[in-house]
Protein backbone atom coordinates (compact mmCIF):
# COMPACT_ATOMS: atom_id res chain seq x y z
CA MET A 1 122.54 129.16 106.47
CA LYS A 2 118.99 129.92 105.14
CA SER A 3 116.98 126.81 104.18
CA ALA A 4 115.85 126.45 100.80
CA ILE A 5 112.13 126.67 100.42
CA ALA A 6 109.83 124.41 98.32
CA LEU A 7 106.30 125.35 97.65
CA VAL A 8 104.20 122.16 97.01
CA LEU A 9 100.87 122.12 94.95
CA GLY A 10 99.08 118.98 95.80
CA ALA A 11 100.80 118.05 99.09
CA THR A 12 97.75 116.12 100.22
CA GLY A 13 98.12 113.93 97.06
CA GLY A 14 100.14 110.98 96.51
CA ILE A 15 103.36 112.08 94.85
CA GLY A 16 102.95 115.71 96.42
CA GLY A 17 103.00 114.40 99.75
CA ALA A 18 105.82 111.99 99.16
CA VAL A 19 108.02 114.65 97.70
CA ALA A 20 107.13 117.23 100.37
CA THR A 21 108.14 114.77 103.13
CA ARG A 22 111.47 113.76 101.30
CA LEU A 23 112.32 117.44 100.78
CA HIS A 24 111.64 118.13 104.36
CA ARG A 25 113.85 115.47 105.50
CA ASP A 26 116.48 117.12 103.19
CA GLY A 27 116.34 120.39 105.12
CA TYR A 28 113.91 122.43 102.73
CA ARG A 29 111.48 124.60 104.34
CA VAL A 30 108.36 123.14 102.76
CA ARG A 31 105.37 125.36 102.07
CA ALA A 32 102.02 123.64 101.19
CA LEU A 33 99.20 125.60 99.40
CA HIS A 34 95.69 124.31 100.54
CA ARG A 35 92.14 125.65 100.42
CA ASN A 36 91.82 124.63 104.18
CA ALA A 37 95.22 125.51 105.56
CA GLY A 38 94.33 125.72 109.10
CA VAL A 39 92.98 122.33 109.24
CA MET A 40 96.08 121.00 107.42
CA GLN A 41 98.44 122.96 109.81
CA ARG A 42 96.97 121.00 112.85
CA ARG A 43 96.84 117.83 111.11
CA LEU A 44 100.50 117.98 109.63
CA PRO A 45 102.45 120.78 111.33
CA ILE A 46 105.82 119.78 109.72
CA PHE A 47 104.91 121.73 106.80
CA GLU A 48 103.86 125.39 106.50
CA TRP A 49 100.33 125.42 105.17
CA VAL A 50 99.50 128.52 103.18
CA GLN A 51 95.81 129.33 102.45
CA GLY A 52 94.99 129.36 98.71
CA ASP A 53 94.03 127.67 95.60
CA ALA A 54 96.18 126.45 92.67
CA MET A 55 93.54 127.67 90.31
CA ILE A 56 93.80 131.34 91.56
CA ALA A 57 97.06 132.78 90.08
CA ASN A 58 97.60 135.38 92.72
CA ASP A 59 97.46 132.76 95.45
CA VAL A 60 100.22 130.56 93.75
CA VAL A 61 102.52 133.76 93.02
CA THR A 62 102.04 134.99 96.67
CA ALA A 63 102.93 131.31 98.03
CA ALA A 64 105.92 131.12 95.97
CA ALA A 65 107.49 134.32 97.10
CA GLY A 66 111.11 133.30 97.85
CA ALA A 67 110.61 129.74 96.71
CA ASP A 68 113.61 127.79 95.15
CA VAL A 69 111.53 124.95 93.93
CA ILE A 70 107.74 124.52 93.02
CA VAL A 71 106.64 121.06 93.06
CA HIS A 72 103.54 120.92 90.59
CA ALA A 73 101.87 117.75 91.84
CA VAL A 74 98.31 118.98 91.68
CA ASN A 75 95.46 117.25 89.60
CA PRO A 76 91.86 117.62 89.54
CA PRO A 77 90.40 115.04 91.90
CA GLY A 78 89.81 111.54 90.02
CA TYR A 79 89.85 111.87 86.32
CA ARG A 80 87.26 114.89 86.23
CA ASN A 81 87.62 118.42 85.06
CA TRP A 82 90.89 117.96 83.18
CA GLY A 83 89.66 120.07 80.38
CA THR A 84 89.04 123.18 82.60
CA MET A 85 91.80 122.93 85.29
CA VAL A 86 94.82 121.35 84.34
CA LEU A 87 96.29 124.01 81.86
CA PRO A 88 95.07 127.05 83.94
CA MET A 89 97.07 125.52 87.00
CA ILE A 90 100.08 124.84 85.09
CA ASP A 91 100.00 128.65 84.00
CA ASN A 92 99.86 129.74 87.36
CA THR A 93 102.66 127.64 88.39
CA ILE A 94 104.69 129.08 85.59
CA ALA A 95 103.97 132.55 86.39
CA ALA A 96 104.89 132.01 90.09
CA ALA A 97 108.28 130.27 88.98
CA LYS A 98 109.20 133.17 86.93
CA ARG A 99 108.31 135.66 89.54
CA ALA A 100 110.35 133.57 92.14
CA GLY A 101 113.31 132.30 90.04
CA ALA A 102 112.13 128.91 90.98
CA THR A 103 112.56 125.54 89.45
CA ILE A 104 109.56 123.55 88.58
CA LEU A 105 109.43 119.95 89.67
CA MET A 106 106.60 117.77 87.99
CA PRO A 107 105.68 114.21 87.92
CA GLY A 108 104.79 113.14 84.31
CA THR A 109 102.36 110.85 83.09
CA VAL A 110 102.37 108.18 80.27
CA TYR A 111 99.11 109.50 78.69
CA ASN A 112 101.23 111.80 76.63
CA TYR A 113 102.23 108.76 74.54
CA GLY A 114 100.09 106.59 72.22
CA PRO A 115 100.82 103.00 70.92
CA ASP A 116 103.20 104.26 68.14
CA SER A 117 105.72 104.80 71.13
CA PHE A 118 104.99 101.60 72.70
CA PRO A 119 106.43 99.16 74.07
CA ASP A 120 109.44 100.82 75.14
CA VAL A 121 109.06 104.45 75.82
CA ARG A 122 112.12 107.04 75.91
CA GLU A 123 112.08 110.51 76.91
CA ASP A 124 112.39 111.49 73.27
CA SER A 125 109.76 109.07 71.92
CA PRO A 126 107.15 110.95 69.76
CA GLN A 127 104.09 112.16 71.93
CA ASN A 128 101.00 111.26 69.85
CA PRO A 129 98.47 110.84 72.54
CA VAL A 130 94.97 108.87 71.89
CA SER A 131 93.22 110.40 74.82
CA VAL A 132 91.79 113.75 75.63
CA LYS A 133 93.87 113.69 78.77
CA GLY A 134 96.98 112.87 76.81
CA ARG A 135 96.60 115.70 74.66
CA ILE A 136 96.36 118.10 77.58
CA ARG A 137 99.24 116.60 79.16
CA VAL A 138 101.43 117.20 75.89
CA GLU A 139 100.25 120.64 75.84
CA LEU A 140 101.09 121.06 79.38
CA GLU A 141 104.52 119.91 78.76
CA ARG A 142 104.89 122.16 75.70
CA ARG A 143 104.05 125.25 78.00
CA LEU A 144 106.85 124.10 80.30
CA GLU A 145 109.22 123.68 77.63
CA ILE A 146 108.49 127.28 76.36
CA ALA A 147 108.90 128.52 79.77
CA SER A 148 112.46 126.92 80.09
CA THR A 149 113.45 129.08 76.95
CA GLU A 150 112.39 132.00 79.11
CA GLY A 151 114.49 131.40 82.11
CA VAL A 152 112.50 128.73 84.14
CA ARG A 153 113.97 125.74 84.85
CA VAL A 154 111.95 122.57 84.52
CA LEU A 155 112.39 118.92 85.78
CA ILE A 156 109.81 116.23 84.63
CA VAL A 157 110.04 112.47 86.26
CA ARG A 158 107.76 110.12 84.64
CA ALA A 159 106.74 106.78 86.31
CA GLY A 160 103.96 104.19 86.15
CA ASP A 161 101.08 103.71 88.30
CA TYR A 162 101.62 104.90 91.82
CA PHE A 163 101.14 102.67 94.90
CA GLY A 164 102.48 103.21 98.41
CA PRO A 165 101.61 103.62 102.14
CA GLY A 166 98.25 105.75 102.62
CA ALA A 167 97.45 105.82 98.95
CA ALA A 168 93.76 105.88 98.92
CA ASN A 169 92.83 106.91 95.30
CA ASN A 170 94.62 104.85 92.76
CA TRP A 171 94.51 101.57 90.66
CA PHE A 172 96.23 99.62 93.51
CA SER A 173 94.21 100.74 96.46
CA GLN A 174 90.82 100.88 94.68
CA VAL A 175 90.90 98.11 92.24
CA VAL A 176 93.91 95.55 93.01
CA VAL A 177 92.99 95.66 96.71
CA LYS A 178 90.47 97.74 98.53
CA ALA A 179 91.80 100.27 101.13
CA GLY A 180 90.87 99.57 104.68
CA LYS A 181 89.70 96.01 104.07
CA PRO A 182 91.73 92.79 104.58
CA VAL A 183 92.97 91.25 101.38
CA THR A 184 90.53 88.38 100.48
CA SER A 185 91.25 88.70 96.51
CA ILE A 186 93.34 90.42 94.13
CA THR A 187 91.89 92.20 90.93
CA ASN A 188 94.03 92.39 87.83
CA PRO A 189 93.00 95.00 85.41
CA ALA A 190 95.30 94.24 82.78
CA SER A 191 94.71 91.92 79.81
CA PRO A 192 96.07 88.35 80.36
CA GLN A 193 99.92 88.06 80.11
CA THR A 194 100.20 91.93 79.57
CA GLY A 195 102.96 93.60 81.45
CA HIS A 196 102.36 96.61 83.38
CA GLN A 197 104.57 99.29 85.22
CA TRP A 198 104.14 100.34 88.75
CA ALA A 199 106.01 102.92 90.83
CA TYR A 200 106.51 102.98 94.63
CA LEU A 201 105.73 106.38 95.86
CA PRO A 202 108.92 106.61 98.29
CA ASP A 203 111.18 105.60 95.26
CA VAL A 204 109.66 108.26 93.14
CA ALA A 205 110.22 110.84 95.64
CA GLU A 206 113.79 109.62 96.37
CA THR A 207 114.41 109.88 92.64
CA MET A 208 113.15 113.45 92.22
CA ALA A 209 115.14 114.77 95.41
CA ARG A 210 118.37 113.20 94.07
CA LEU A 211 117.75 114.85 90.62
CA LEU A 212 116.81 118.27 92.31
CA ALA A 213 119.95 118.12 94.33
CA VAL A 214 122.26 118.21 91.19
CA SER A 215 119.75 120.16 89.00
CA ASP A 216 122.59 122.62 88.19
CA ARG A 217 124.14 119.86 85.99
CA LEU A 218 120.79 119.35 84.07
CA PRO A 219 119.72 121.11 80.88
CA THR A 220 116.97 123.94 81.68
CA PHE A 221 114.33 121.68 80.35
CA ALA A 222 115.03 118.08 81.70
CA ARG A 223 112.87 114.85 81.37
CA PHE A 224 113.69 111.51 82.99
CA HIS A 225 111.81 108.06 82.96
CA MET A 226 111.75 105.70 85.81
CA ASP A 227 111.37 101.89 85.48
CA GLY A 228 109.89 101.23 88.98
CA PHE A 229 108.45 97.88 89.38
CA PHE A 230 107.72 96.15 85.93
CA ASP A 231 105.20 93.35 86.42
CA ARG A 232 106.32 91.40 83.31
CA ASP A 233 103.23 89.26 82.90
CA GLY A 234 100.53 91.05 84.95
CA ILE A 235 101.05 88.41 87.70
CA GLN A 236 104.17 89.30 89.47
CA LEU A 237 102.44 92.16 91.67
CA ALA A 238 99.57 89.81 92.66
CA ALA A 239 102.47 87.14 93.57
CA ALA A 240 104.01 89.77 95.80
CA ILE A 241 100.82 90.35 97.46
CA ARG A 242 100.12 86.72 98.02
CA ARG A 243 103.52 86.34 99.66
CA VAL A 244 103.20 89.26 101.93
CA VAL A 245 99.45 88.35 103.06
CA GLY A 246 100.66 84.82 103.63
CA LYS A 247 97.97 83.28 101.41
CA PRO A 248 99.57 81.43 98.08
CA ASP A 249 96.12 80.55 96.86
CA LEU A 250 94.53 84.12 97.14
CA PRO A 251 92.20 84.38 94.17
CA ILE A 252 93.08 86.51 91.29
CA LYS A 253 90.01 88.16 89.71
CA ARG A 254 89.74 90.01 86.26
CA PHE A 255 88.69 93.70 86.05
CA PRO A 256 84.94 93.88 84.74
CA TRP A 257 85.84 96.03 81.92
CA LEU A 258 82.48 94.93 80.08
CA LEU A 259 80.42 96.20 82.95
CA VAL A 260 82.37 99.36 83.00
CA ARG A 261 81.77 99.96 79.36
CA LEU A 262 78.03 98.80 79.46
CA SER A 263 77.64 101.14 82.48
CA SER A 264 79.70 103.96 81.06
CA PRO A 265 76.64 105.94 79.42
CA LEU A 266 75.26 106.49 83.01
CA VAL A 267 78.51 106.67 85.05
CA PRO A 268 80.86 109.65 83.97
CA MET A 269 83.69 108.06 85.75
CA PHE A 270 83.55 104.95 84.10
CA ARG A 271 83.79 106.87 80.70
CA GLU A 272 86.80 108.23 81.93
CA LEU A 273 88.34 104.90 82.92
CA LEU A 274 87.64 103.47 79.55
CA GLU A 275 89.64 106.05 77.97
CA MET A 276 92.65 104.75 79.66
CA ARG A 277 92.12 101.14 79.01
CA TYR A 278 94.65 101.08 76.14
CA LEU A 279 97.37 101.28 78.82
CA TRP A 280 96.17 97.89 80.29
CA LYS A 281 95.77 96.23 77.03
CA GLN A 282 99.38 96.41 75.75
CA ILE A 283 102.82 96.54 77.21
CA VAL A 284 103.85 99.94 78.14
CA ARG A 285 107.46 100.23 79.84
CA LEU A 286 109.12 103.51 80.38
CA ASP A 287 112.83 103.27 79.49
CA ASN A 288 115.13 104.51 82.51
CA ARG A 289 118.56 104.29 80.94
CA ALA A 290 118.89 108.13 80.76
CA LEU A 291 118.08 108.24 84.43
CA VAL A 292 120.61 105.30 85.37
CA ASP A 293 123.23 106.83 83.32
CA PHE A 294 123.02 110.34 85.24
CA LEU A 295 122.50 109.07 88.70
CA GLY A 296 124.24 105.79 88.45
CA GLU A 297 121.16 103.89 89.67
CA GLU A 298 117.51 104.14 90.04
CA PRO A 299 116.25 104.13 93.67
CA HIS A 300 114.55 100.72 94.24
CA THR A 301 112.59 99.20 97.29
CA PRO A 302 112.25 95.43 96.93
CA ILE A 303 108.76 94.81 95.86
CA ASP A 304 107.79 92.47 98.97
CA HIS A 305 109.01 95.43 101.19
CA ALA A 306 107.16 98.04 99.12
CA VAL A 307 103.87 95.83 98.99
CA ARG A 308 104.04 95.38 102.89
CA ALA A 309 104.26 99.09 103.57
CA THR A 310 101.52 99.90 101.32
CA LEU A 311 99.19 97.33 102.76
CA GLU A 312 99.90 98.24 106.19
CA GLY A 313 99.48 101.77 105.32
CA LEU A 314 96.25 101.25 103.62
CA ARG A 315 95.00 99.32 106.72
CA CYS A 316 94.51 96.06 104.73
CA LEU A 317 97.19 94.42 106.95
CA PRO A 318 98.24 94.92 110.40
CA PRO A 319 101.87 95.71 111.07
CA ALA A 320 103.99 92.69 111.15
CA ALA A 321 105.34 91.78 114.61
CA GLY A 322 109.22 92.26 114.79
CA LEU A 323 109.32 93.48 111.09
CA VAL A 324 110.07 97.25 110.50
CA SER A 325 108.69 98.89 107.30
CA PRO A 326 110.47 101.79 105.64
CA PRO A 327 109.21 105.03 107.01
CA GLU A 328 106.23 106.59 105.21
CA ARG A 329 107.70 109.39 103.13
CA GLY A 330 104.43 110.71 101.87
CA ARG A 331 100.84 110.18 101.35
CA SER A 332 99.16 109.35 98.16
CA VAL A 333 96.05 110.14 95.87
CA GLU A 334 96.88 109.90 92.19
CA GLY A 335 98.64 107.40 89.96
CA ALA A 336 100.66 108.62 87.12
CA MET A 337 99.92 105.91 84.67
CA ALA A 338 96.36 104.98 84.50
């Protein structure tokens, strides 16, 4: 029997790598588009690396030939160039999906929603974003919804801030702890007593794979929200890190938002961070009832296990003797929430 084909855009990123690895385990033949395919083929030979650029329509269409699913998990690096790159890339994916007859599977963001939808955000909550990135993501999903009326099946799974083994460019690995360094303190970006939502990458990939496996039962345009790990008071994630590291008195520091604000005129990245601060100042929780109703459950790794696997993958913690962490189902780059 011929293997189903999944084209993954963003396979070197967090959710892209996690989903690619999960689909490969399900028996998919995974293609991964990359601008340096030869290097990646030697580095990660379980995938079929295809030379190309997600910004070039013909590259995406060619790579998607015969594909059953296109995983659109590509974003500009960091927070830069969204205005010029995000929408052209989704247009290329839509064109490729139409040509191949493929389903588009995409991770969603919380940027789409503004405070009028907080604190409990449902799939049908109004999307009135307060940031430039949010407006871009709303337009992106609008284009996908239009494509779904033109024969393209679309599945969007929205989750909180990503963390997981190997995640090197997100809030967890760059702010909460520092990748590649022993954990000597924990930094909390949230306002005091403010809950925040996190998503363990292998759990997100597992959820996507389960939904994709029964996509014939879904509407042509389907959206689901994950609960992930909800840190109810902004301290529970830090408590898990303390337990895993074995240091119950590990210092917890506040993130220097004032310094970021004062430096933002000189540092473009700080301006981008400030635009997302509203997601750390108030409770934002994605409502997962539709997902649980459909699947019967949401895949969930116990938080201490997830934190241990993440810290080991980030080289912040040596592998614990006698303990077996869950297999790394992907590599990570970008968070979904802030």
